[in-house]
Amino acid sequence: MSTEARFAPGDWYAVVGDRVTVLLPGSQRGRVATLWDLADSGAGAEALLDALLAGGLSSLDHFALVAHDDDSTRLIVRGAPTATVSSTGGEEILSAAPGTTWAEQVLAGVTSVRVTLNGEGSADHRLTPGLARVSAVEFGTPSAPVSVEEPAAGEPAVAPAADAEPEPEPGPTPDAEPERSSVTDLEAPAAPMQFGSPEDDPTPTGETPVVADDWSDRDGQTQVGAPVADFERPPIPGQEIAPDVVAQPVASLVFSTGDVVAVDRTVLVGRAPEARRFASHDQPHVVTVPSPHQEISSTHLEIRPGAGADHGSAIATDLGSTNGTVLAQPGLDPEELKPGIAVSLIPGAVLDLGDGVTIQVTNP
């Protein structure tokens, strides 16, 4: 089975190694760091299963484990997860019956596996080694059914030739006048493109005209205020500020709400974020997230391209939020961001803003 993997965003943890993936509900966050240390070091399924069960099975109602090698795929599911397996022998569903410890199978000839945790979302995001917040994961590529045309009664079935070319459609007879196209653009050549001379510059003073961005108000709360010239974004001590907009995104942010945002400039996240701290030519991405219990501040978090030693990476800064931001980096213990202190993010990092809203950092 191909090791290509994808996921749908959600609130389960995916601990992804090169050959083994462990899936845990959000309540099992305390086990994640230990499992990632093992997965990152190349440990196999048995070592990860030992670590998973070290905290006791009675407190682990739900989990799934997928391990694959060149010849077979091993699946373990306990509780809520179900695995849909496609193989050369067909498709089957693996789930744990109530009252059993777990369901386990080792299968050969597997072409794809989908493990559904708590949602039926489409797995459109690439899953790479690290940590992710997911609702479903898929491995491999499902085989597409081959359509075979049914023969007429009494006629033998003939398989389509792989290299057969379609028969050309009959052309017009020699005496027939070809139909004139109804598209007017084809009747006459387009006028040549004209470029203005330097004297035609609409801004002869050298000023850059302000372009009004289309800031869509998705929930009636997002606001764009007036720019403040003397605002300085909090830097990492001793490092320079990155350019306002970079040519290539340094990371992608996958929100538990389903939004995906490229970090090619500053990204502001909050319950009702305001972008008034930036000049008109430097407007950031503004992402509004739900917070029914008001755990997320109006302008809660900033993520932007790094500079200096962090060039090519994204860095995050808590903007003095009321309830804080928790950062879980692969291989490290979770930490709460200190307001105004920028922290470099690595692929697989997960930012928890509260109220069930998380942001996973992936490669662009």
Protein backbone atom coordinates (compact mmCIF):
# COMPACT_ATOMS: atom_id res chain seq x y z
CA MET A 1 0.00 0.00 0.00
CA SER A 2 1.19 3.47 -0.80
CA THR A 3 2.12 5.48 2.32
CA GLU A 4 0.53 8.63 0.89
CA ALA A 5 -1.74 10.01 3.62
CA ARG A 6 -4.41 12.70 3.94
CA PHE A 7 -6.70 13.93 6.72
CA ALA A 8 -9.86 15.85 7.48
CA PRO A 9 -9.50 18.43 10.30
CA GLY A 10 -11.04 17.61 13.68
CA ASP A 11 -10.36 17.33 17.41
CA TRP A 12 -8.61 13.91 17.57
CA TYR A 13 -4.82 13.70 17.76
CA ALA A 14 -2.92 11.92 14.99
CA VAL A 15 0.63 10.89 15.99
CA VAL A 16 2.20 10.18 12.60
CA GLY A 17 5.47 8.31 12.14
CA ASP A 18 7.04 6.97 8.97
CA ARG A 19 5.31 3.57 9.27
CA VAL A 20 2.96 3.80 12.26
CA THR A 21 0.11 6.20 13.02
CA VAL A 22 -1.74 6.34 16.36
CA LEU A 23 -5.09 8.15 16.65
CA LEU A 24 -6.31 9.39 20.05
CA PRO A 25 -9.27 11.51 21.22
CA GLY A 26 -8.60 15.01 22.54
CA SER A 27 -8.99 13.79 26.12
CA GLN A 28 -5.77 11.74 25.75
CA ARG A 29 -3.49 14.72 25.20
CA GLY A 30 -1.18 13.61 28.03
CA ARG A 31 -0.11 10.52 26.06
CA VAL A 32 0.71 12.38 22.85
CA ALA A 33 4.23 13.67 23.64
CA THR A 34 5.55 10.22 24.67
CA LEU A 35 4.07 8.56 21.59
CA TRP A 36 5.53 11.20 19.29
CA ASP A 37 9.03 10.73 20.79
CA LEU A 38 8.80 7.04 19.86
CA ALA A 39 7.25 7.58 16.43
CA ASP A 40 9.83 10.23 15.56
CA SER A 41 12.67 7.86 16.49
CA GLY A 42 11.34 5.20 14.09
CA ALA A 43 9.79 2.86 16.69
CA GLY A 44 7.52 0.09 15.42
CA ALA A 45 3.92 -0.79 16.21
CA GLU A 46 4.75 -2.96 19.24
CA ALA A 47 6.76 -0.22 20.98
CA LEU A 48 4.03 2.37 20.35
CA LEU A 49 1.34 -0.03 21.56
CA ASP A 50 3.32 -0.71 24.76
CA ALA A 51 3.62 3.04 25.43
CA LEU A 52 -0.04 3.58 24.60
CA LEU A 53 -1.16 0.99 27.14
CA ALA A 54 1.34 2.03 29.83
CA GLY A 55 -1.20 4.46 31.29
CA GLY A 56 -3.80 1.72 31.66
CA LEU A 57 -6.50 0.44 29.31
CA SER A 58 -9.39 1.42 31.59
CA SER A 59 -8.73 5.12 30.88
CA LEU A 60 -8.36 4.57 27.14
CA ASP A 61 -11.85 3.96 25.75
CA HIS A 62 -11.07 4.92 22.16
CA PHE A 63 -8.01 4.70 19.90
CA ALA A 64 -6.80 3.40 16.56
CA LEU A 65 -3.43 2.23 15.26
CA VAL A 66 -2.39 1.79 11.63
CA ALA A 67 0.97 0.18 10.82
CA HIS A 68 2.09 -0.66 7.29
CA ASP A 69 5.11 -2.25 5.67
CA ASP A 70 5.86 -3.48 2.17
CA ASP A 71 3.82 -6.67 2.54
CA SER A 72 0.97 -6.06 4.98
CA THR A 73 -1.10 -3.55 6.94
CA ARG A 74 -1.94 -3.94 10.64
CA LEU A 75 -5.09 -2.29 12.00
CA ILE A 76 -6.28 -1.96 15.61
CA VAL A 77 -9.46 -0.09 16.55
CA ARG A 78 -11.03 0.34 19.98
CA GLY A 79 -14.27 2.16 20.74
CA ALA A 80 -15.53 4.76 18.28
CA PRO A 81 -13.10 4.51 15.31
CA THR A 82 -14.01 2.42 12.28
CA ALA A 83 -11.65 1.44 9.44
CA THR A 84 -12.77 0.96 5.85
CA VAL A 85 -10.22 -1.22 4.05
CA SER A 86 -9.94 -1.61 0.28
CA SER A 87 -7.81 -4.49 -0.98
CA THR A 88 -7.42 -6.79 -3.93
CA GLY A 89 -10.11 -8.97 -2.35
CA GLY A 90 -12.69 -6.20 -2.06
CA GLU A 91 -13.77 -3.80 0.69
CA GLU A 92 -14.49 -4.48 4.34
CA ILE A 93 -15.14 -2.49 7.50
CA LEU A 94 -13.29 -3.12 10.77
CA SER A 95 -14.82 -1.95 14.05
CA ALA A 96 -14.72 -3.11 17.67
CA ALA A 97 -17.85 -4.84 18.91
CA PRO A 98 -19.26 -3.53 22.22
CA GLY A 99 -17.71 -5.29 25.20
CA THR A 100 -14.53 -6.35 23.37
CA THR A 101 -11.02 -5.06 24.09
CA TRP A 102 -10.41 -4.07 20.48
CA ALA A 103 -10.61 -5.36 16.92
CA GLU A 104 -7.37 -6.23 15.13
CA GLN A 105 -6.48 -7.49 11.66
CA VAL A 106 -3.33 -7.95 9.59
CA LEU A 107 -4.14 -7.75 5.88
CA ALA A 108 -2.15 -8.19 2.69
CA GLY A 109 -2.84 -6.56 -0.66
CA VAL A 110 -4.33 -3.43 0.92
CA THR A 111 -4.68 -0.51 -1.50
CA SER A 112 -6.26 2.05 0.85
CA VAL A 113 -7.46 2.53 4.42
CA ARG A 114 -9.81 5.21 5.78
CA VAL A 115 -10.13 5.50 9.56
CA THR A 116 -13.20 7.51 10.53
CA LEU A 117 -13.12 8.96 14.04
CA ASN A 118 -15.93 11.44 14.57
CA GLY A 119 -16.86 12.85 11.17
CA GLU A 120 -17.43 12.13 7.50
CA GLY A 121 -15.39 15.08 6.19
CA SER A 122 -13.37 14.83 3.01
CA ALA A 123 -9.69 14.06 3.65
CA ASP A 124 -8.21 16.80 1.47
CA HIS A 125 -5.15 17.82 3.52
CA ARG A 126 -1.77 16.12 3.24
CA LEU A 127 -0.75 14.22 6.38
CA THR A 128 2.99 14.25 7.08
CA PRO A 129 5.03 12.86 10.01
CA GLY A 130 4.27 14.95 13.10
CA LEU A 131 1.12 15.82 15.04
CA ALA A 132 -2.25 16.76 13.56
CA ARG A 133 -5.81 17.36 14.78
CA VAL A 134 -8.08 15.18 12.67
CA SER A 135 -11.57 13.70 12.29
CA ALA A 136 -10.60 11.12 9.66
CA VAL A 137 -7.41 9.90 7.98
CA GLU A 138 -6.81 8.06 4.72
CA PHE A 139 -3.80 6.05 3.55
CA GLY A 140 -3.14 4.94 -0.01
CA THR A 141 -5.36 5.54 -3.03
CA PRO A 142 -8.73 3.84 -3.42
CA SER A 143 -8.91 1.88 -6.66
CA ALA A 144 -11.42 3.31 -9.11
CA PRO A 145 -13.90 0.85 -10.62
CA VAL A 146 -13.43 0.10 -14.32
CA SER A 147 -16.52 0.69 -16.42
CA VAL A 148 -17.21 -2.06 -18.97
CA GLU A 149 -19.94 -1.56 -21.55
CA GLU A 150 -22.56 -4.32 -21.50
CA PRO A 151 -22.73 -6.21 -24.82
CA ALA A 152 -25.99 -6.62 -26.67
CA ALA A 153 -27.79 -9.94 -26.40
CA GLY A 154 -25.95 -12.64 -28.29
CA GLU A 155 -22.80 -10.56 -28.84
CA PRO A 156 -19.48 -11.43 -27.17
CA ALA A 157 -18.06 -8.99 -24.64
CA VAL A 158 -15.06 -7.08 -25.99
CA ALA A 159 -12.68 -5.26 -23.64
CA PRO A 160 -11.70 -1.75 -24.82
CA ALA A 161 -8.19 -1.53 -26.23
CA ALA A 162 -5.86 0.54 -24.10
CA ASP A 163 -4.29 2.37 -27.03
CA ALA A 164 -7.38 2.62 -29.22
CA GLU A 165 -8.00 6.10 -30.58
CA PRO A 166 -11.53 7.45 -31.02
CA GLU A 167 -12.88 7.32 -34.52
CA PRO A 168 -12.83 10.74 -36.19
CA GLU A 169 -16.16 12.41 -36.64
CA PRO A 170 -17.29 12.62 -40.28
CA GLY A 171 -16.27 15.92 -41.80
CA PRO A 172 -18.29 18.07 -44.18
CA THR A 173 -18.83 16.91 -47.73
CA PRO A 174 -16.72 18.64 -50.42
CA ASP A 175 -19.70 20.66 -51.63
CA ALA A 176 -20.83 21.72 -48.18
CA GLU A 177 -19.92 25.19 -47.01
CA PRO A 178 -18.44 25.12 -43.49
CA GLU A 179 -20.59 26.65 -40.79
CA ARG A 180 -19.59 30.11 -39.66
CA SER A 181 -18.75 30.35 -35.98
CA SER A 182 -21.18 32.40 -33.95
CA VAL A 183 -18.35 33.70 -31.75
CA THR A 184 -17.62 37.23 -32.91
CA ASP A 185 -14.04 37.07 -31.55
CA LEU A 186 -13.17 34.60 -34.28
CA GLU A 187 -14.49 36.74 -37.14
CA ALA A 188 -11.94 39.53 -36.77
CA PRO A 189 -8.55 39.77 -35.09
CA ALA A 190 -8.52 41.45 -31.70
CA ALA A 191 -7.20 44.98 -31.48
CA PRO A 192 -3.51 45.07 -30.53
CA MET A 193 -2.75 45.59 -26.85
CA GLN A 194 -1.75 49.17 -26.06
CA PHE A 195 0.70 50.23 -23.37
CA GLY A 196 0.78 53.76 -22.03
CA SER A 197 3.85 55.93 -22.03
CA PRO A 198 5.53 57.12 -18.84
CA GLU A 199 3.81 60.48 -19.30
CA ASP A 200 0.45 58.69 -18.86
CA ASP A 201 1.28 57.64 -15.26
CA PRO A 202 -1.86 58.43 -13.21
CA THR A 203 0.35 59.07 -10.17
CA PRO A 204 3.05 61.45 -11.51
CA THR A 205 4.15 62.36 -8.01
CA GLY A 206 5.35 58.78 -7.45
CA GLU A 207 2.68 58.01 -4.86
CA THR A 208 1.27 54.50 -4.79
CA PRO A 209 -2.50 54.52 -5.16
CA VAL A 210 -4.34 52.74 -2.36
CA VAL A 211 -6.09 49.60 -3.54
CA ALA A 212 -9.18 48.72 -1.55
CA ASP A 213 -9.12 45.04 -0.56
CA ASP A 214 -12.35 43.06 -0.48
CA TRP A 215 -12.66 42.44 3.25
CA SER A 216 -15.69 40.17 3.54
CA ASP A 217 -17.54 40.44 6.84
CA ARG A 218 -18.34 36.80 7.44
CA ASP A 219 -20.06 37.07 10.81
CA GLY A 220 -20.81 40.76 11.30
CA GLN A 221 -17.98 41.18 13.81
CA THR A 222 -14.77 41.35 11.79
CA GLN A 223 -13.56 44.95 11.60
CA VAL A 224 -10.90 46.83 9.72
CA GLY A 225 -9.93 50.06 11.42
CA ALA A 226 -7.66 52.93 10.55
CA PRO A 227 -3.90 52.20 10.25
CA VAL A 228 -1.64 53.14 13.12
CA ALA A 229 1.75 54.29 11.86
CA ASP A 230 3.78 53.72 15.02
CA PHE A 231 2.70 50.12 15.71
CA GLU A 232 5.62 47.70 16.00
CA ARG A 233 4.93 43.99 15.85
CA PRO A 234 6.64 42.07 18.69
CA PRO A 235 9.94 40.67 17.35
CA ILE A 236 12.04 37.80 18.58
CA PRO A 237 14.78 39.54 20.63
CA GLY A 238 17.86 40.24 18.51
CA GLN A 239 16.17 39.41 15.20
CA GLU A 240 14.97 41.59 12.38
CA ILE A 241 11.36 41.90 11.27
CA ALA A 242 10.43 39.82 8.22
CA PRO A 243 9.12 41.55 5.06
CA ASP A 244 5.46 42.57 5.12
CA VAL A 245 4.61 40.03 2.40
CA VAL A 246 6.87 37.14 1.37
CA ALA A 247 7.05 35.68 -2.14
CA GLN A 248 6.34 32.10 -1.02
CA PRO A 249 4.22 31.01 1.99
CA VAL A 250 6.34 29.65 4.85
CA ALA A 251 3.55 27.43 6.23
CA SER A 252 -0.12 26.52 5.95
CA LEU A 253 -2.54 26.84 8.87
CA VAL A 254 -5.28 24.22 9.04
CA PHE A 255 -8.06 25.38 11.37
CA SER A 256 -10.37 22.95 13.16
CA THR A 257 -13.19 25.00 11.63
CA GLY A 258 -12.08 23.83 8.17
CA ASP A 259 -10.32 27.03 7.07
CA VAL A 260 -6.87 26.74 5.51
CA VAL A 261 -4.71 29.90 5.40
CA ALA A 262 -1.27 30.37 3.84
CA VAL A 263 1.29 32.27 5.92
CA ASP A 264 2.65 34.65 3.31
CA ARG A 265 2.04 37.67 5.56
CA THR A 266 0.69 38.34 9.03
CA VAL A 267 -2.36 36.28 10.05
CA LEU A 268 -4.62 37.61 12.83
CA VAL A 269 -6.95 35.16 14.59
CA GLY A 270 -9.68 35.88 17.08
CA ARG A 271 -13.36 36.04 17.94
CA ALA A 272 -13.69 39.43 16.20
CA PRO A 273 -10.18 40.40 15.05
CA GLU A 274 -9.27 43.96 14.05
CA ALA A 275 -6.63 44.82 11.48
CA ARG A 276 -6.28 48.48 12.38
CA ARG A 277 -2.61 48.13 13.37
CA PHE A 278 -1.39 47.83 9.79
CA ALA A 279 -0.85 50.21 6.90
CA SER A 280 -3.15 49.94 3.89
CA HIS A 281 -0.50 48.16 1.80
CA ASP A 282 0.22 45.64 4.55
CA GLN A 283 -3.25 44.32 5.40
CA PRO A 284 -3.02 40.86 7.01
CA HIS A 285 -5.17 37.77 6.64
CA VAL A 286 -7.97 38.12 9.21
CA VAL A 287 -9.54 34.86 10.44
CA THR A 288 -12.65 34.93 12.62
CA VAL A 289 -13.29 31.80 14.70
CA PRO A 290 -16.33 30.89 16.81
CA SER A 291 -16.15 31.15 20.59
CA PRO A 292 -19.53 30.35 22.16
CA HIS A 293 -18.08 30.47 25.69
CA GLN A 294 -16.03 33.63 25.06
CA GLU A 295 -12.77 31.77 25.76
CA ILE A 296 -11.12 33.31 22.68
CA SER A 297 -10.25 37.00 22.74
CA SER A 298 -11.40 39.37 20.01
CA THR A 299 -7.87 39.63 18.58
CA HIS A 300 -6.23 36.60 20.15
CA LEU A 301 -3.20 35.44 18.17
CA GLU A 302 -0.77 36.60 15.47
CA ILE A 303 1.13 34.25 13.13
CA ARG A 304 3.59 35.65 10.57
CA PRO A 305 6.72 34.76 8.56
CA GLY A 306 9.90 34.68 10.60
CA ALA A 307 13.21 36.42 9.90
CA GLY A 308 16.86 35.91 10.76
CA ALA A 309 17.36 32.44 12.23
CA ASP A 310 13.64 31.77 11.71
CA HIS A 311 13.64 32.75 8.03
CA GLY A 312 11.43 30.30 6.14
CA SER A 313 9.37 29.42 9.23
CA ALA A 314 6.21 30.78 10.81
CA ILE A 315 6.25 32.38 14.26
CA ALA A 316 3.31 32.84 16.63
CA THR A 317 2.65 35.54 19.23
CA ASP A 318 -0.18 35.61 21.78
CA LEU A 319 -1.55 39.15 21.71
CA GLY A 320 -2.38 39.33 25.41
CA SER A 321 -5.44 37.07 25.18
CA THR A 322 -7.56 36.59 28.29
CA ASN A 323 -7.33 32.79 28.47
CA GLY A 324 -4.01 32.26 26.69
CA THR A 325 -2.79 30.00 23.87
CA VAL A 326 -1.34 26.50 24.37
CA LEU A 327 1.31 25.31 21.87
CA ALA A 328 2.10 21.61 21.34
CA GLN A 329 5.24 21.12 19.25
CA PRO A 330 6.25 17.64 18.02
CA GLY A 331 8.56 16.02 20.57
CA LEU A 332 8.08 18.76 23.19
CA ASP A 333 5.80 19.20 26.18
CA PRO A 334 2.84 21.56 25.62
CA GLU A 335 3.53 25.13 26.71
CA GLU A 336 1.46 28.25 27.16
CA LEU A 337 2.61 31.17 25.03
CA LYS A 338 3.73 34.26 26.92
CA PRO A 339 1.94 37.39 25.69
CA GLY A 340 4.06 39.41 23.28
CA ILE A 341 6.82 36.75 22.96
CA ALA A 342 7.13 35.25 19.47
CA VAL A 343 7.78 31.49 19.23
CA SER A 344 8.99 29.67 16.10
CA LEU A 345 6.65 26.93 14.82
CA ILE A 346 7.64 23.64 13.22
CA PRO A 347 5.47 21.46 10.94
CA GLY A 348 3.11 19.39 13.04
CA ALA A 349 2.73 22.04 15.76
CA VAL A 350 -0.78 22.54 17.14
CA LEU A 351 -2.04 25.80 18.68
CA ASP A 352 -5.03 25.51 21.04
CA LEU A 353 -6.98 28.77 21.45
CA GLY A 354 -9.80 27.34 23.60
CA ASP A 355 -13.49 26.67 22.89
CA GLY A 356 -12.41 23.67 20.78
CA VAL A 357 -10.58 25.82 18.20
CA THR A 358 -7.15 24.53 17.18
CA ILE A 359 -4.69 25.41 14.42
CA GLN A 360 -2.34 22.84 12.93
CA VAL A 361 0.86 24.07 11.25
CA THR A 362 1.79 22.16 8.09
CA ASN A 363 4.24 22.59 5.23
CA PRO A 364 3.03 25.06 2.58
